[in-house]
Amino acid sequence: MSQQQPRKRGANYTQDEKALLLDLVMQYKDIIECKRTGGKFIEKKREVWMAITIKFNSSCTSGTRDTDQLKSLYDNMKQKSCKDVGASNVSSLYLDGHIDECWL
């Protein structure tokens, strides 16, 4: 039997690194958020993510990250943002008194 070594965790992202990633993604937002899936578009997205990874790693302080890790962080940040917006919309319904009985 071979003993598997436990996977080492990377360092947590700092707030500065998250802001840097968002700045880099916003520069290429039209390509990254494009819904088209043809071969040219997929290759262009891959090139853009590689460029973002290189720029991010040249400025980060907590170690190097690969493209998949940065994509995952971006997707998680988008998901959390959408969740927060949805929660604030629901709470504004309660605060404004515009809640129907069907919502309860």
C-alpha atoms as a PDB file:
ATOM      1  CA  MET A   1       0.000   0.000   0.000  1.00  0.00           C
ATOM      2  CA  SER A   2       1.257   3.434  -0.829  1.00  0.00           C
ATOM      3  CA  GLN A   3       0.798   6.228   1.637  1.00  0.00           C
ATOM      4  CA  GLN A   4      -0.771   9.306   0.092  1.00  0.00           C
ATOM      5  CA  GLN A   5       0.613  12.588   1.280  1.00  0.00           C
ATOM      6  CA  PRO A   6      -2.035  15.076   2.375  1.00  0.00           C
ATOM      7  CA  ARG A   7      -2.589  17.860  -0.094  1.00  0.00           C
ATOM      8  CA  LYS A   8      -0.923  21.110   0.879  1.00  0.00           C
ATOM      9  CA  ARG A   9      -3.181  24.127   1.033  1.00  0.00           C
ATOM     10  CA  GLY A  10      -2.124  27.304  -0.639  1.00  0.00           C
ATOM     11  CA  ALA A  11      -2.107  30.581   1.194  1.00  0.00           C
ATOM     12  CA  ASN A  12      -5.401  32.428   1.401  1.00  0.00           C
ATOM     13  CA  TYR A  13      -5.967  35.268  -1.035  1.00  0.00           C
ATOM     14  CA  THR A  14      -5.519  38.726   0.443  1.00  0.00           C
ATOM     15  CA  GLN A  15      -8.016  41.506  -0.233  1.00  0.00           C
ATOM     16  CA  ASP A  16      -5.387  43.249  -2.382  1.00  0.00           C
ATOM     17  CA  GLU A  17      -4.993  40.120  -4.513  1.00  0.00           C
ATOM     18  CA  LYS A  18      -8.747  39.825  -4.961  1.00  0.00           C
ATOM     19  CA  ALA A  19      -8.921  43.473  -6.017  1.00  0.00           C
ATOM     20  CA  LEU A  20      -5.999  42.933  -8.420  1.00  0.00           C
ATOM     21  CA  LEU A  21      -7.754  39.958  -9.993  1.00  0.00           C
ATOM     22  CA  LEU A  22     -10.953  41.980 -10.431  1.00  0.00           C
ATOM     23  CA  ASP A  23      -9.000  44.817 -12.054  1.00  0.00           C
ATOM     24  CA  LEU A  24      -7.325  42.406 -14.458  1.00  0.00           C
ATOM     25  CA  VAL A  25     -10.595  40.652 -15.293  1.00  0.00           C
ATOM     26  CA  MET A  26     -12.365  43.960 -15.942  1.00  0.00           C
ATOM     27  CA  GLN A  27      -9.771  44.780 -18.604  1.00  0.00           C
ATOM     28  CA  TYR A  28     -10.826  41.656 -20.536  1.00  0.00           C
ATOM     29  CA  LYS A  29     -14.450  41.392 -19.385  1.00  0.00           C
ATOM     30  CA  ASP A  30     -15.899  41.404 -22.900  1.00  0.00           C
ATOM     31  CA  ILE A  31     -13.867  38.301 -23.784  1.00  0.00           C
ATOM     32  CA  ILE A  32     -14.151  36.429 -20.471  1.00  0.00           C
ATOM     33  CA  GLU A  33     -17.924  36.882 -20.134  1.00  0.00           C
ATOM     34  CA  CYS A  34     -18.642  36.118 -23.799  1.00  0.00           C
ATOM     35  CA  LYS A  35     -21.200  33.295 -24.035  1.00  0.00           C
ATOM     36  CA  ARG A  36     -20.041  32.087 -27.456  1.00  0.00           C
ATOM     37  CA  THR A  37     -18.345  28.686 -27.464  1.00  0.00           C
ATOM     38  CA  GLY A  38     -16.688  28.313 -30.853  1.00  0.00           C
ATOM     39  CA  GLY A  39     -13.080  27.195 -31.167  1.00  0.00           C
ATOM     40  CA  LYS A  40     -11.795  30.715 -31.786  1.00  0.00           C
ATOM     41  CA  PHE A  41     -13.593  32.048 -28.732  1.00  0.00           C
ATOM     42  CA  ILE A  42     -12.366  29.278 -26.442  1.00  0.00           C
ATOM     43  CA  GLU A  43      -8.787  29.803 -27.610  1.00  0.00           C
ATOM     44  CA  LYS A  44      -9.087  33.557 -27.082  1.00  0.00           C
ATOM     45  CA  LYS A  45     -10.430  33.021 -23.551  1.00  0.00           C
ATOM     46  CA  ARG A  46      -7.542  30.639 -22.817  1.00  0.00           C
ATOM     47  CA  GLU A  47      -5.036  33.237 -24.031  1.00  0.00           C
ATOM     48  CA  VAL A  48      -6.653  35.969 -21.949  1.00  0.00           C
ATOM     49  CA  TRP A  49      -6.647  33.837 -18.790  1.00  0.00           C
ATOM     50  CA  MET A  50      -2.972  33.015 -19.367  1.00  0.00           C
ATOM     51  CA  ALA A  51      -2.209  36.745 -19.676  1.00  0.00           C
ATOM     52  CA  ILE A  52      -4.176  37.452 -16.489  1.00  0.00           C
ATOM     53  CA  THR A  53      -2.281  34.676 -14.685  1.00  0.00           C
ATOM     54  CA  ILE A  54       1.096  36.082 -15.729  1.00  0.00           C
ATOM     55  CA  LYS A  55       0.160  39.618 -14.671  1.00  0.00           C
ATOM     56  CA  PHE A  56      -1.347  38.396 -11.392  1.00  0.00           C
ATOM     57  CA  ASN A  57       1.679  36.276 -10.462  1.00  0.00           C
ATOM     58  CA  SER A  58       4.049  39.147 -11.183  1.00  0.00           C
ATOM     59  CA  SER A  59       2.247  41.247  -8.552  1.00  0.00           C
ATOM     60  CA  CYS A  60       1.012  38.788  -5.926  1.00  0.00           C
ATOM     61  CA  THR A  61       2.590  38.288  -2.522  1.00  0.00           C
ATOM     62  CA  SER A  62       1.199  34.959  -1.301  1.00  0.00           C
ATOM     63  CA  GLY A  63       2.785  32.682  -3.895  1.00  0.00           C
ATOM     64  CA  THR A  64       2.092  31.823  -7.503  1.00  0.00           C
ATOM     65  CA  ARG A  65      -1.323  30.683  -8.659  1.00  0.00           C
ATOM     66  CA  ASP A  66      -2.252  28.772 -11.764  1.00  0.00           C
ATOM     67  CA  THR A  67      -4.979  29.669 -14.229  1.00  0.00           C
ATOM     68  CA  ASP A  68      -7.512  27.214 -12.808  1.00  0.00           C
ATOM     69  CA  GLN A  69      -7.120  28.662  -9.321  1.00  0.00           C
ATOM     70  CA  LEU A  70      -7.706  32.206 -10.572  1.00  0.00           C
ATOM     71  CA  LYS A  71     -10.740  31.135 -12.613  1.00  0.00           C
ATOM     72  CA  SER A  72     -12.139  29.401  -9.557  1.00  0.00           C
ATOM     73  CA  LEU A  73     -11.595  32.478  -7.389  1.00  0.00           C
ATOM     74  CA  TYR A  74     -13.288  34.693  -9.980  1.00  0.00           C
ATOM     75  CA  ASP A  75     -16.265  32.329 -10.274  1.00  0.00           C
ATOM     76  CA  ASN A  76     -16.594  32.179  -6.474  1.00  0.00           C
ATOM     77  CA  MET A  77     -16.456  35.968  -6.223  1.00  0.00           C
ATOM     78  CA  LYS A  78     -19.152  36.310  -8.907  1.00  0.00           C
ATOM     79  CA  GLN A  79     -21.345  33.755  -7.176  1.00  0.00           C
ATOM     80  CA  LYS A  80     -20.991  35.474  -3.789  1.00  0.00           C
ATOM     81  CA  SER A  81     -21.768  38.831  -5.375  1.00  0.00           C
ATOM     82  CA  CYS A  82     -24.969  37.510  -6.960  1.00  0.00           C
ATOM     83  CA  LYS A  83     -25.980  35.904  -3.662  1.00  0.00           C
ATOM     84  CA  ASP A  84     -25.413  39.157  -1.784  1.00  0.00           C
ATOM     85  CA  VAL A  85     -27.446  41.143  -4.320  1.00  0.00           C
ATOM     86  CA  GLY A  86     -30.290  38.638  -4.086  1.00  0.00           C
ATOM     87  CA  ALA A  87     -30.273  38.770  -0.294  1.00  0.00           C
ATOM     88  CA  SER A  88     -30.368  42.550  -0.312  1.00  0.00           C
ATOM     89  CA  ASN A  89     -33.294  42.506  -2.748  1.00  0.00           C
ATOM     90  CA  VAL A  90     -35.251  40.166  -0.486  1.00  0.00           C
ATOM     91  CA  SER A  91     -34.467  42.211   2.610  1.00  0.00           C
ATOM     92  CA  SER A  92     -35.581  45.398   0.849  1.00  0.00           C
ATOM     93  CA  LEU A  93     -38.924  43.713   0.136  1.00  0.00           C
ATOM     94  CA  TYR A  94     -39.362  43.080   3.851  1.00  0.00           C
ATOM     95  CA  LEU A  95     -38.247  46.587   4.826  1.00  0.00           C
ATOM     96  CA  ASP A  96     -40.464  48.307   2.256  1.00  0.00           C
ATOM     97  CA  GLY A  97     -43.493  46.309   3.326  1.00  0.00           C
ATOM     98  CA  HIS A  98     -44.097  45.003  -0.184  1.00  0.00           C
ATOM     99  CA  ILE A  99     -44.129  41.372   0.802  1.00  0.00           C
ATOM    100  CA  ASP A 100     -47.134  39.269  -0.073  1.00  0.00           C
ATOM    101  CA  GLU A 101     -48.407  36.340   1.941  1.00  0.00           C
ATOM    102  CA  CYS A 102     -47.334  34.004  -0.864  1.00  0.00           C
ATOM    103  CA  TRP A 103     -43.695  34.837  -0.062  1.00  0.00           C
ATOM    104  CA  LEU A 104     -44.071  33.602   3.493  1.00  0.00           C
END
